[in-house]
């Protein structure tokens, strides 16, 4: 681990790349897919919920677009600096966690 995040890296990417996190996500995805395949009724229910979540996300994006367009020029320069600082602080915190909790470097099954 490094003490700061390089420009192209962010703390979310680092967290998602931790073996414990990535293996957990893979396991959950396999279980979800397996459950849908083996239980047709559950698959139908899951697909309805999936479509609902996708629709809600699309509606939220559509509703927020005018606000984002209006605020984007004002926030761009201000946000860039603030996000970089927050990202660096979060990366340093993640460095500390990785040092103190070595299990983060192993998949869930180990």
PDB file of N, CA and C in Angstrom:
ATOM      1  N   UNK A   1       0.816  -1.194   0.000  1.00  0.00           N
ATOM      2  CA  UNK A   1       0.000   0.000   0.000  1.00  0.00           C
ATOM      3  C   UNK A   1       0.861   1.260   0.000  1.00  0.00           C
ATOM      4  N   UNK A   2       0.376   2.265  -0.651  1.00  0.00           N
ATOM      5  CA  UNK A   2       1.076   3.544  -0.666  1.00  0.00           C
ATOM      6  C   UNK A   2       0.370   4.498   0.267  1.00  0.00           C
ATOM      7  N   UNK A   3       1.044   5.598   0.608  1.00  0.00           N
ATOM      8  CA  UNK A   3       0.427   6.513   1.567  1.00  0.00           C
ATOM      9  C   UNK A   3      -0.531   7.492   0.909  1.00  0.00           C
ATOM     10  N   UNK A   4      -0.493   7.604  -0.406  1.00  0.00           N
ATOM     11  CA  UNK A   4      -1.467   8.432  -1.114  1.00  0.00           C
ATOM     12  C   UNK A   4      -1.882   7.711  -2.377  1.00  0.00           C
ATOM     13  N   UNK A   5      -3.038   8.074  -2.897  1.00  0.00           N
ATOM     14  CA  UNK A   5      -3.524   7.450  -4.124  1.00  0.00           C
ATOM     15  C   UNK A   5      -2.969   8.191  -5.323  1.00  0.00           C
ATOM     16  N   UNK A   6      -2.421   7.474  -6.315  1.00  0.00           N
ATOM     17  CA  UNK A   6      -2.033   8.140  -7.547  1.00  0.00           C
ATOM     18  C   UNK A   6      -3.258   8.758  -8.208  1.00  0.00           C
ATOM     19  N   UNK A   7      -3.027   9.679  -9.122  1.00  0.00           N
ATOM     20  CA  UNK A   7      -4.121  10.410  -9.756  1.00  0.00           C
ATOM     21  C   UNK A   7      -5.160   9.470 -10.362  1.00  0.00           C
ATOM     22  N   UNK A   8      -4.723   8.413 -11.058  1.00  0.00           N
ATOM     23  CA  UNK A   8      -5.666   7.539 -11.751  1.00  0.00           C
ATOM     24  C   UNK A   8      -6.367   6.563 -10.800  1.00  0.00           C
ATOM     25  N   UNK A   9      -5.918   6.447  -9.578  1.00  0.00           N
ATOM     26  CA  UNK A   9      -6.493   5.510  -8.627  1.00  0.00           C
ATOM     27  C   UNK A   9      -7.366   6.250  -7.629  1.00  0.00           C
ATOM     28  N   UNK A  10      -8.424   5.611  -7.204  1.00  0.00           N
ATOM     29  CA  UNK A  10      -9.209   6.209  -6.132  1.00  0.00           C
ATOM     30  C   UNK A  10      -9.485   5.159  -5.074  1.00  0.00           C
ATOM     31  N   UNK A  11      -9.928   5.605  -3.937  1.00  0.00           N
ATOM     32  CA  UNK A  11     -10.099   4.707  -2.808  1.00  0.00           C
ATOM     33  C   UNK A  11     -11.139   3.630  -3.104  1.00  0.00           C
ATOM     34  N   UNK A  12     -12.184   3.958  -3.835  1.00  0.00           N
ATOM     35  CA  UNK A  12     -13.201   2.960  -4.161  1.00  0.00           C
ATOM     36  C   UNK A  12     -12.600   1.838  -5.003  1.00  0.00           C
ATOM     37  N   UNK A  13     -11.777   2.192  -5.989  1.00  0.00           N
ATOM     38  CA  UNK A  13     -11.114   1.167  -6.803  1.00  0.00           C
ATOM     39  C   UNK A  13     -10.246   0.277  -5.930  1.00  0.00           C
ATOM     40  N   UNK A  14      -9.509   0.885  -5.018  1.00  0.00           N
ATOM     41  CA  UNK A  14      -8.645   0.097  -4.136  1.00  0.00           C
ATOM     42  C   UNK A  14      -9.450  -0.856  -3.271  1.00  0.00           C
ATOM     43  N   UNK A  15     -10.562  -0.382  -2.718  1.00  0.00           N
ATOM     44  CA  UNK A  15     -11.393  -1.242  -1.873  1.00  0.00           C
ATOM     45  C   UNK A  15     -11.941  -2.409  -2.696  1.00  0.00           C
ATOM     46  N   UNK A  16     -12.432  -2.124  -3.889  1.00  0.00           N
ATOM     47  CA  UNK A  16     -12.992  -3.178  -4.729  1.00  0.00           C
ATOM     48  C   UNK A  16     -11.944  -4.190  -5.168  1.00  0.00           C
ATOM     49  N   UNK A  17     -10.683  -3.782  -5.197  1.00  0.00           N
ATOM     50  CA  UNK A  17      -9.612  -4.693  -5.590  1.00  0.00           C
ATOM     51  C   UNK A  17      -9.060  -5.513  -4.427  1.00  0.00           C
ATOM     52  N   UNK A  18      -9.451  -5.201  -3.216  1.00  0.00           N
ATOM     53  CA  UNK A  18      -9.006  -6.009  -2.084  1.00  0.00           C
ATOM     54  C   UNK A  18      -9.522  -7.437  -2.267  1.00  0.00           C
ATOM     55  N   UNK A  19      -8.661  -8.440  -2.098  1.00  0.00           N
ATOM     56  CA  UNK A  19      -9.100  -9.825  -2.295  1.00  0.00           C
ATOM     57  C   UNK A  19     -10.337 -10.201  -1.476  1.00  0.00           C
ATOM     58  N   UNK A  20     -10.429  -9.737  -0.230  1.00  0.00           N
ATOM     59  CA  UNK A  20     -11.586 -10.082   0.589  1.00  0.00           C
ATOM     60  C   UNK A  20     -12.868  -9.495   0.002  1.00  0.00           C
ATOM     61  N   UNK A  21     -12.797  -8.302  -0.554  1.00  0.00           N
ATOM     62  CA  UNK A  21     -13.983  -7.658  -1.131  1.00  0.00           C
ATOM     63  C   UNK A  21     -14.331  -8.294  -2.479  1.00  0.00           C
ATOM     64  N   UNK A  22     -13.342  -8.438  -3.357  1.00  0.00           N
ATOM     65  CA  UNK A  22     -13.626  -8.991  -4.688  1.00  0.00           C
ATOM     66  C   UNK A  22     -14.120 -10.435  -4.600  1.00  0.00           C
ATOM     67  N   UNK A  23     -13.538 -11.237  -3.704  1.00  0.00           N
ATOM     68  CA  UNK A  23     -14.000 -12.626  -3.586  1.00  0.00           C
ATOM     69  C   UNK A  23     -15.409 -12.688  -2.990  1.00  0.00           C
ATOM     70  N   UNK A  24     -15.721 -11.781  -2.073  1.00  0.00           N
ATOM     71  CA  UNK A  24     -17.076 -11.733  -1.517  1.00  0.00           C
ATOM     72  C   UNK A  24     -18.087 -11.376  -2.599  1.00  0.00           C
ATOM     73  N   UNK A  25     -17.761 -10.382  -3.419  1.00  0.00           N
ATOM     74  CA  UNK A  25     -18.663  -9.986  -4.512  1.00  0.00           C
ATOM     75  C   UNK A  25     -18.863 -11.137  -5.505  1.00  0.00           C
ATOM     76  N   UNK A  26     -17.779 -11.831  -5.840  1.00  0.00           N
ATOM     77  CA  UNK A  26     -17.880 -12.967  -6.769  1.00  0.00           C
ATOM     78  C   UNK A  26     -18.748 -14.078  -6.178  1.00  0.00           C
ATOM     79  N   UNK A  27     -18.553 -14.367  -4.906  1.00  0.00           N
ATOM     80  CA  UNK A  27     -19.343 -15.408  -4.242  1.00  0.00           C
ATOM     81  C   UNK A  27     -20.821 -15.036  -4.223  1.00  0.00           C
ATOM     82  N   UNK A  28     -21.124 -13.798  -3.876  1.00  0.00           N
ATOM     83  CA  UNK A  28     -22.526 -13.357  -3.858  1.00  0.00           C
ATOM     84  C   UNK A  28     -23.150 -13.422  -5.245  1.00  0.00           C
ATOM     85  N   UNK A  29     -22.392 -13.032  -6.273  1.00  0.00           N
ATOM     86  CA  UNK A  29     -22.912 -13.088  -7.637  1.00  0.00           C
ATOM     87  C   UNK A  29     -23.204 -14.530  -8.053  1.00  0.00           C
ATOM     88  N   UNK A  30     -22.293 -15.447  -7.707  1.00  0.00           N
ATOM     89  CA  UNK A  30     -22.513 -16.865  -8.040  1.00  0.00           C
ATOM     90  C   UNK A  30     -23.739 -17.409  -7.320  1.00  0.00           C
ATOM     91  N   UNK A  31     -23.882 -17.085  -6.036  1.00  0.00           N
ATOM     92  CA  UNK A  31     -25.039 -17.554  -5.258  1.00  0.00           C
ATOM     93  C   UNK A  31     -26.345 -16.995  -5.814  1.00  0.00           C
ATOM     94  N   UNK A  32     -26.324 -15.725  -6.159  1.00  0.00           N
ATOM     95  CA  UNK A  32     -27.520 -15.081  -6.705  1.00  0.00           C
ATOM     96  C   UNK A  32     -27.915 -15.748  -8.021  1.00  0.00           C
ATOM     97  N   UNK A  33     -26.947 -15.939  -8.903  1.00  0.00           N
ATOM     98  CA  UNK A  33     -27.221 -16.571 -10.200  1.00  0.00           C
ATOM     99  C   UNK A  33     -27.682 -18.010 -10.018  1.00  0.00           C
ATOM    100  N   UNK A  34     -27.043 -18.726  -9.134  1.00  0.00           N
ATOM    101  CA  UNK A  34     -27.403 -20.122  -8.870  1.00  0.00           C
ATOM    102  C   UNK A  34     -28.825 -20.224  -8.324  1.00  0.00           C
ATOM    103  N   UNK A  35     -29.174 -19.324  -7.419  1.00  0.00           N
ATOM    104  CA  UNK A  35     -30.529 -19.328  -6.845  1.00  0.00           C
ATOM    105  C   UNK A  35     -31.561 -19.045  -7.929  1.00  0.00           C
ATOM    106  N   UNK A  36     -31.274 -18.079  -8.780  1.00  0.00           N
ATOM    107  CA  UNK A  36     -32.208 -17.753  -9.866  1.00  0.00           C
ATOM    108  C   UNK A  36     -32.365 -18.933 -10.825  1.00  0.00           C
ATOM    109  N   UNK A  37     -31.261 -19.635 -11.112  1.00  0.00           N
ATOM    110  CA  UNK A  37     -31.324 -20.772 -12.040  1.00  0.00           C
ATOM    111  C   UNK A  37     -32.100 -21.948 -11.451  1.00  0.00           C
ATOM    112  N   UNK A  38     -31.948 -22.193 -10.165  1.00  0.00           N
ATOM    113  CA  UNK A  38     -32.563 -23.379  -9.578  1.00  0.00           C
ATOM    114  C   UNK A  38     -33.977 -23.148  -9.042  1.00  0.00           C
ATOM    115  N   UNK A  39     -34.404 -21.907  -8.950  1.00  0.00           N
ATOM    116  CA  UNK A  39     -35.748 -21.609  -8.442  1.00  0.00           C
ATOM    117  C   UNK A  39     -36.441 -20.629  -9.395  1.00  0.00           C
ATOM    118  N   UNK A  40     -37.190 -21.157 -10.363  1.00  0.00           N
ATOM    119  CA  UNK A  40     -37.826 -20.301 -11.373  1.00  0.00           C
ATOM    120  C   UNK A  40     -38.721 -19.197 -10.785  1.00  0.00           C
ATOM    121  N   UNK A  41     -39.439 -19.504  -9.721  1.00  0.00           N
ATOM    122  CA  UNK A  41     -40.304 -18.484  -9.127  1.00  0.00           C
ATOM    123  C   UNK A  41     -39.450 -17.353  -8.543  1.00  0.00           C
ATOM    124  N   UNK A  42     -38.384 -17.734  -7.873  1.00  0.00           N
ATOM    125  CA  UNK A  42     -37.478 -16.729  -7.306  1.00  0.00           C
ATOM    126  C   UNK A  42     -36.849 -15.906  -8.430  1.00  0.00           C
ATOM    127  N   UNK A  43     -36.520 -16.562  -9.543  1.00  0.00           N
ATOM    128  CA  UNK A  43     -35.934 -15.854 -10.685  1.00  0.00           C
ATOM    129  C   UNK A  43     -36.908 -14.796 -11.204  1.00  0.00           C
ATOM    130  N   UNK A  44     -38.183 -15.148 -11.275  1.00  0.00           N
ATOM    131  CA  UNK A  44     -39.186 -14.188 -11.741  1.00  0.00           C
ATOM    132  C   UNK A  44     -39.274 -12.987 -10.814  1.00  0.00           C
ATOM    133  N   UNK A  45     -39.282 -13.244  -9.524  1.00  0.00           N
ATOM    134  CA  UNK A  45     -39.353 -12.163  -8.542  1.00  0.00           C
ATOM    135  C   UNK A  45     -38.112 -11.281  -8.645  1.00  0.00           C
ATOM    136  N   UNK A  46     -36.935 -11.906  -8.743  1.00  0.00           N
ATOM    137  CA  UNK A  46     -35.680 -11.148  -8.831  1.00  0.00           C
ATOM    138  C   UNK A  46     -35.659 -10.276 -10.087  1.00  0.00           C
ATOM    139  N   UNK A  47     -36.130 -10.826 -11.203  1.00  0.00           N
ATOM    140  CA  UNK A  47     -36.131 -10.058 -12.448  1.00  0.00           C
ATOM    141  C   UNK A  47     -37.060  -8.849 -12.360  1.00  0.00           C
ATOM    142  N   UNK A  48     -38.184  -9.002 -11.692  1.00  0.00           N
ATOM    143  CA  UNK A  48     -39.091  -7.870 -11.501  1.00  0.00           C
ATOM    144  C   UNK A  48     -38.398  -6.789 -10.672  1.00  0.00           C
ATOM    145  N   UNK A  49     -37.754  -7.192  -9.592  1.00  0.00           N
ATOM    146  CA  UNK A  49     -37.037  -6.226  -8.754  1.00  0.00           C
ATOM    147  C   UNK A  49     -35.879  -5.583  -9.507  1.00  0.00           C
ATOM    148  N   UNK A  50     -35.147  -6.377 -10.289  1.00  0.00           N
ATOM    149  CA  UNK A  50     -34.031  -5.837 -11.062  1.00  0.00           C
ATOM    150  C   UNK A  50     -34.512  -4.762 -12.039  1.00  0.00           C
ATOM    151  N   UNK A  51     -35.619  -5.060 -12.740  1.00  0.00           N
ATOM    152  CA  UNK A  51     -36.170  -4.065 -13.670  1.00  0.00           C
ATOM    153  C   UNK A  51     -36.635  -2.819 -12.928  1.00  0.00           C
ATOM    154  N   UNK A  52     -37.221  -3.011 -11.758  1.00  0.00           N
ATOM    155  CA  UNK A  52     -37.672  -1.875 -10.964  1.00  0.00           C
ATOM    156  C   UNK A  52     -36.516  -0.990 -10.528  1.00  0.00           C
ATOM    157  N   UNK A  53     -35.427  -1.604 -10.097  1.00  0.00           N
ATOM    158  CA  UNK A  53     -34.257  -0.837  -9.672  1.00  0.00           C
ATOM    159  C   UNK A  53     -33.640  -0.102 -10.862  1.00  0.00           C
ATOM    160  N   UNK A  54     -33.565  -0.779 -12.004  1.00  0.00           N
ATOM    161  CA  UNK A  54     -33.035  -0.118 -13.200  1.00  0.00           C
ATOM    162  C   UNK A  54     -33.909   1.068 -13.604  1.00  0.00           C
ATOM    163  N   UNK A  55     -35.205   0.879 -13.558  1.00  0.00           N
ATOM    164  CA  UNK A  55     -36.130   1.964 -13.906  1.00  0.00           C
ATOM    165  C   UNK A  55     -36.026   3.130 -12.944  1.00  0.00           C
ATOM    166  N   UNK A  56     -35.930   2.823 -11.648  1.00  0.00           N
ATOM    167  CA  UNK A  56     -35.805   3.884 -10.640  1.00  0.00           C
ATOM    168  C   UNK A  56     -34.494   4.643 -10.836  1.00  0.00           C
ATOM    169  N   UNK A  57     -33.434   3.923 -11.142  1.00  0.00           N
ATOM    170  CA  UNK A  57     -32.136   4.576 -11.383  1.00  0.00           C
ATOM    171  C   UNK A  57     -32.191   5.486 -12.591  1.00  0.00           C
ATOM    172  N   UNK A  58     -32.806   4.999 -13.657  1.00  0.00           N
ATOM    173  CA  UNK A  58     -32.924   5.808 -14.874  1.00  0.00           C
ATOM    174  C   UNK A  58     -33.777   7.045 -14.617  1.00  0.00           C
ATOM    175  N   UNK A  59     -34.855   6.879 -13.870  1.00  0.00           N
ATOM    176  CA  UNK A  59     -35.727   8.015 -13.553  1.00  0.00           C
ATOM    177  C   UNK A  59     -34.987   9.040 -12.689  1.00  0.00           C
ATOM    178  N   UNK A  60     -34.226   8.562 -11.724  1.00  0.00           N
ATOM    179  CA  UNK A  60     -33.457   9.475 -10.868  1.00  0.00           C
ATOM    180  C   UNK A  60     -32.421  10.238 -11.692  1.00  0.00           C
ATOM    181  N   UNK A  61     -31.741   9.545 -12.587  1.00  0.00           N
ATOM    182  CA  UNK A  61     -30.744  10.202 -13.445  1.00  0.00           C
ATOM    183  C   UNK A  61     -31.416  11.256 -14.330  1.00  0.00           C
ATOM    184  N   UNK A  62     -32.542  10.917 -14.902  1.00  0.00           N
ATOM    185  CA  UNK A  62     -33.270  11.845 -15.774  1.00  0.00           C
ATOM    186  C   UNK A  62     -33.694  13.077 -14.978  1.00  0.00           C
ATOM    187  N   UNK A  63     -34.182  12.854 -13.755  1.00  0.00           N
ATOM    188  CA  UNK A  63     -34.642  13.968 -12.930  1.00  0.00           C
ATOM    189  C   UNK A  63     -33.507  14.859 -12.444  1.00  0.00           C
ATOM    190  N   UNK A  64     -32.332  14.288 -12.225  1.00  0.00           N
ATOM    191  CA  UNK A  64     -31.196  15.043 -11.706  1.00  0.00           C
ATOM    192  C   UNK A  64     -30.382  15.732 -12.795  1.00  0.00           C
ATOM    193  N   UNK A  65     -30.544  15.308 -14.020  1.00  0.00           N
ATOM    194  CA  UNK A  65     -29.716  15.847 -15.107  1.00  0.00           C
ATOM    195  C   UNK A  65     -29.751  17.372 -15.199  1.00  0.00           C
ATOM    196  N   UNK A  66     -30.917  18.020 -15.162  1.00  0.00           N
ATOM    197  CA  UNK A  66     -30.921  19.491 -15.233  1.00  0.00           C
ATOM    198  C   UNK A  66     -30.176  20.142 -14.067  1.00  0.00           C
ATOM    199  N   UNK A  67     -30.303  19.576 -12.889  1.00  0.00           N
ATOM    200  CA  UNK A  67     -29.619  20.122 -11.711  1.00  0.00           C
ATOM    201  C   UNK A  67     -28.111  19.984 -11.882  1.00  0.00           C
ATOM    202  N   UNK A  68     -27.678  18.812 -12.311  1.00  0.00           N
ATOM    203  CA  UNK A  68     -26.248  18.568 -12.505  1.00  0.00           C
ATOM    204  C   UNK A  68     -25.689  19.508 -13.567  1.00  0.00           C
ATOM    205  N   UNK A  69     -26.408  19.656 -14.660  1.00  0.00           N
ATOM    206  CA  UNK A  69     -25.938  20.562 -15.724  1.00  0.00           C
ATOM    207  C   UNK A  69     -25.774  21.994 -15.208  1.00  0.00           C
ATOM    208  N   UNK A  70     -26.703  22.421 -14.394  1.00  0.00           N
ATOM    209  CA  UNK A  70     -26.662  23.795 -13.879  1.00  0.00           C
ATOM    210  C   UNK A  70     -25.518  23.977 -12.869  1.00  0.00           C
ATOM    211  N   UNK A  71     -25.300  22.986 -12.025  1.00  0.00           N
ATOM    212  CA  UNK A  71     -24.291  23.112 -10.977  1.00  0.00           C
ATOM    213  C   UNK A  71     -22.883  22.718 -11.412  1.00  0.00           C
ATOM    214  N   UNK A  72     -22.781  21.941 -12.453  1.00  0.00           N
ATOM    215  CA  UNK A  72     -21.479  21.413 -12.862  1.00  0.00           C
ATOM    216  C   UNK A  72     -20.406  22.474 -13.057  1.00  0.00           C
ATOM    217  N   UNK A  73     -20.660  23.551 -13.817  1.00  0.00           N
ATOM    218  CA  UNK A  73     -19.599  24.544 -13.992  1.00  0.00           C
ATOM    219  C   UNK A  73     -19.157  25.188 -12.673  1.00  0.00           C
ATOM    220  N   UNK A  74     -20.105  25.394 -11.769  1.00  0.00           N
ATOM    221  CA  UNK A  74     -19.788  26.039 -10.500  1.00  0.00           C
ATOM    222  C   UNK A  74     -18.991  25.115  -9.580  1.00  0.00           C
ATOM    223  N   UNK A  75     -19.277  23.829  -9.647  1.00  0.00           N
ATOM    224  CA  UNK A  75     -18.648  22.879  -8.733  1.00  0.00           C
ATOM    225  C   UNK A  75     -17.341  22.308  -9.256  1.00  0.00           C
ATOM    226  N   UNK A  76     -17.142  22.358 -10.558  1.00  0.00           N
ATOM    227  CA  UNK A  76     -16.021  21.640 -11.150  1.00  0.00           C
ATOM    228  C   UNK A  76     -14.688  21.954 -10.488  1.00  0.00           C
ATOM    229  N   UNK A  77     -14.315  23.223 -10.444  1.00  0.00           N
ATOM    230  CA  UNK A  77     -13.009  23.563  -9.874  1.00  0.00           C
ATOM    231  C   UNK A  77     -12.993  23.340  -8.361  1.00  0.00           C
ATOM    232  N   UNK A  78     -14.072  23.679  -7.693  1.00  0.00           N
ATOM    233  CA  UNK A  78     -14.139  23.518  -6.253  1.00  0.00           C
ATOM    234  C   UNK A  78     -14.100  22.031  -5.874  1.00  0.00           C
ATOM    235  N   UNK A  79     -14.824  21.213  -6.598  1.00  0.00           N
ATOM    236  CA  UNK A  79     -14.911  19.794  -6.275  1.00  0.00           C
ATOM    237  C   UNK A  79     -13.608  19.066  -6.547  1.00  0.00           C
ATOM    238  N   UNK A  80     -12.923  19.425  -7.617  1.00  0.00           N
ATOM    239  CA  UNK A  80     -11.682  18.744  -7.963  1.00  0.00           C
ATOM    240  C   UNK A  80     -10.713  18.732  -6.790  1.00  0.00           C
ATOM    241  N   UNK A  81     -10.456  19.883  -6.214  1.00  0.00           N
ATOM    242  CA  UNK A  81      -9.526  19.966  -5.089  1.00  0.00           C
ATOM    243  C   UNK A  81     -10.028  19.227  -3.863  1.00  0.00           C
ATOM    244  N   UNK A  82     -11.289  19.410  -3.542  1.00  0.00           N
ATOM    245  CA  UNK A  82     -11.863  18.764  -2.363  1.00  0.00           C
ATOM    246  C   UNK A  82     -11.917  17.256  -2.481  1.00  0.00           C
ATOM    247  N   UNK A  83     -12.256  16.775  -3.667  1.00  0.00           N
ATOM    248  CA  UNK A  83     -12.311  15.331  -3.870  1.00  0.00           C
ATOM    249  C   UNK A  83     -10.929  14.710  -3.796  1.00  0.00           C
ATOM    250  N   UNK A  84      -9.927  15.397  -4.308  1.00  0.00           N
ATOM    251  CA  UNK A  84      -8.565  14.877  -4.251  1.00  0.00           C
ATOM    252  C   UNK A  84      -8.101  14.756  -2.804  1.00  0.00           C
ATOM    253  N   UNK A  85      -8.407  15.761  -2.006  1.00  0.00           N
ATOM    254  CA  UNK A  85      -8.022  15.731  -0.593  1.00  0.00           C
ATOM    255  C   UNK A  85      -8.751  14.594   0.121  1.00  0.00           C
ATOM    256  N   UNK A  86     -10.044  14.486  -0.101  1.00  0.00           N
ATOM    257  CA  UNK A  86     -10.826  13.422   0.539  1.00  0.00           C
ATOM    258  C   UNK A  86     -10.331  12.048   0.098  1.00  0.00           C
ATOM    259  N   UNK A  87     -10.017  11.910  -1.187  1.00  0.00           N
ATOM    260  CA  UNK A  87      -9.522  10.644  -1.717  1.00  0.00           C
ATOM    261  C   UNK A  87      -8.186  10.284  -1.052  1.00  0.00           C
ATOM    262  N   UNK A  88      -7.292  11.264  -0.934  1.00  0.00           N
ATOM    263  CA  UNK A  88      -6.001  11.011  -0.287  1.00  0.00           C
ATOM    264  C   UNK A  88      -6.176  10.597   1.170  1.00  0.00           C
ATOM    265  N   UNK A  89      -7.052  11.276   1.884  1.00  0.00           N
ATOM    266  CA  UNK A  89      -7.302  10.915   3.282  1.00  0.00           C
ATOM    267  C   UNK A  89      -7.866   9.499   3.386  1.00  0.00           C
ATOM    268  N   UNK A  90      -8.805   9.182   2.516  1.00  0.00           N
ATOM    269  CA  UNK A  90      -9.401   7.844   2.528  1.00  0.00           C
ATOM    270  C   UNK A  90      -8.362   6.784   2.171  1.00  0.00           C
ATOM    271  N   UNK A  91      -7.479   7.092   1.224  1.00  0.00           N
ATOM    272  CA  UNK A  91      -6.429   6.138   0.858  1.00  0.00           C
ATOM    273  C   UNK A  91      -5.469   5.906   2.019  1.00  0.00           C
ATOM    274  N   UNK A  92      -5.141   6.962   2.731  1.00  0.00           N
ATOM    275  CA  UNK A  92      -4.258   6.799   3.897  1.00  0.00           C
ATOM    276  C   UNK A  92      -4.931   5.946   4.970  1.00  0.00           C
ATOM    277  N   UNK A  93      -6.227   6.156   5.149  1.00  0.00           N
ATOM    278  CA  UNK A  93      -6.968   5.320   6.096  1.00  0.00           C
ATOM    279  C   UNK A  93      -6.980   3.863   5.666  1.00  0.00           C
ATOM    280  N   UNK A  94      -7.141   3.640   4.351  1.00  0.00           N
ATOM    281  CA  UNK A  94      -7.123   2.279   3.825  1.00  0.00           C
ATOM    282  C   UNK A  94      -5.735   1.657   3.992  1.00  0.00           C
ATOM    283  N   UNK A  95      -4.682   2.437   3.782  1.00  0.00           N
ATOM    284  CA  UNK A  95      -3.316   1.951   4.019  1.00  0.00           C
ATOM    285  C   UNK A  95      -3.195   1.436   5.460  1.00  0.00           C
ATOM    286  N   UNK A  96      -3.715   2.230   6.391  1.00  0.00           N
ATOM    287  CA  UNK A  96      -3.648   1.871   7.814  1.00  0.00           C
ATOM    288  C   UNK A  96      -4.411   0.569   8.073  1.00  0.00           C
ATOM    289  N   UNK A  97      -5.615   0.446   7.504  1.00  0.00           N
ATOM    290  CA  UNK A  97      -6.402  -0.776   7.686  1.00  0.00           C
ATOM    291  C   UNK A  97      -5.684  -1.986   7.103  1.00  0.00           C
ATOM    292  N   UNK A  98      -5.088  -1.814   5.923  1.00  0.00           N
ATOM    293  CA  UNK A  98      -4.378  -2.927   5.295  1.00  0.00           C
ATOM    294  C   UNK A  98      -3.185  -3.374   6.144  1.00  0.00           C
ATOM    295  N   UNK A  99      -2.530  -2.437   6.810  1.00  0.00           N
ATOM    296  CA  UNK A  99      -1.409  -2.787   7.686  1.00  0.00           C
ATOM    297  C   UNK A  99      -1.888  -3.502   8.946  1.00  0.00           C
ATOM    298  N   UNK A 100      -2.985  -3.040   9.510  1.00  0.00           N
ATOM    299  CA  UNK A 100      -3.474  -3.579  10.783  1.00  0.00           C
ATOM    300  C   UNK A 100      -4.299  -4.859  10.614  1.00  0.00           C
ATOM    301  N   UNK A 101      -4.895  -5.035   9.442  1.00  0.00           N
ATOM    302  CA  UNK A 101      -5.762  -6.201   9.218  1.00  0.00           C
ATOM    303  C   UNK A 101      -5.278  -6.961   7.982  1.00  0.00           C
ATOM    304  N   UNK A 102      -4.282  -7.813   8.123  1.00  0.00           N
ATOM    305  CA  UNK A 102      -3.728  -8.547   6.976  1.00  0.00           C
ATOM    306  C   UNK A 102      -4.761  -9.425   6.268  1.00  0.00           C
ATOM    307  N   UNK A 103      -5.807  -9.824   6.967  1.00  0.00           N
ATOM    308  CA  UNK A 103      -6.830 -10.678   6.359  1.00  0.00           C
ATOM    309  C   UNK A 103      -7.508 -10.012   5.164  1.00  0.00           C
ATOM    310  N   UNK A 104      -7.425  -8.698   5.048  1.00  0.00           N
ATOM    311  CA  UNK A 104      -8.014  -8.006   3.896  1.00  0.00           C
ATOM    312  C   UNK A 104      -7.358  -8.430   2.593  1.00  0.00           C
ATOM    313  N   UNK A 105      -6.140  -8.974   2.691  1.00  0.00           N
ATOM    314  CA  UNK A 105      -5.383  -9.364   1.489  1.00  0.00           C
ATOM    315  C   UNK A 105      -5.674 -10.793   1.040  1.00  0.00           C
ATOM    316  N   UNK A 106      -6.596 -11.468   1.730  1.00  0.00           N
ATOM    317  CA  UNK A 106      -6.913 -12.863   1.390  1.00  0.00           C
ATOM    318  C   UNK A 106      -8.368 -12.999   0.989  1.00  0.00           C
ATOM    319  N   UNK A 107      -8.644 -13.920   0.064  1.00  0.00           N
ATOM    320  CA  UNK A 107     -10.049 -14.186  -0.279  1.00  0.00           C
ATOM    321  C   UNK A 107     -10.816 -14.687   0.934  1.00  0.00           C
ATOM    322  N   UNK A 108     -12.113 -14.607   0.870  1.00  0.00           N
ATOM    323  CA  UNK A 108     -12.982 -14.982   1.987  1.00  0.00           C
ATOM    324  C   UNK A 108     -12.766 -16.429   2.422  1.00  0.00           C
ATOM    325  N   UNK A 109     -12.546 -17.327   1.472  1.00  0.00           N
ATOM    326  CA  UNK A 109     -12.442 -18.750   1.811  1.00  0.00           C
ATOM    327  C   UNK A 109     -11.117 -19.101   2.509  1.00  0.00           C
ATOM    328  N   UNK A 110     -10.217 -18.162   2.675  1.00  0.00           N
ATOM    329  CA  UNK A 110      -8.962 -18.446   3.383  1.00  0.00           C
ATOM    330  C   UNK A 110      -9.043 -17.833   4.719  1.00  0.00           C
TER     331      UNK A 110
END
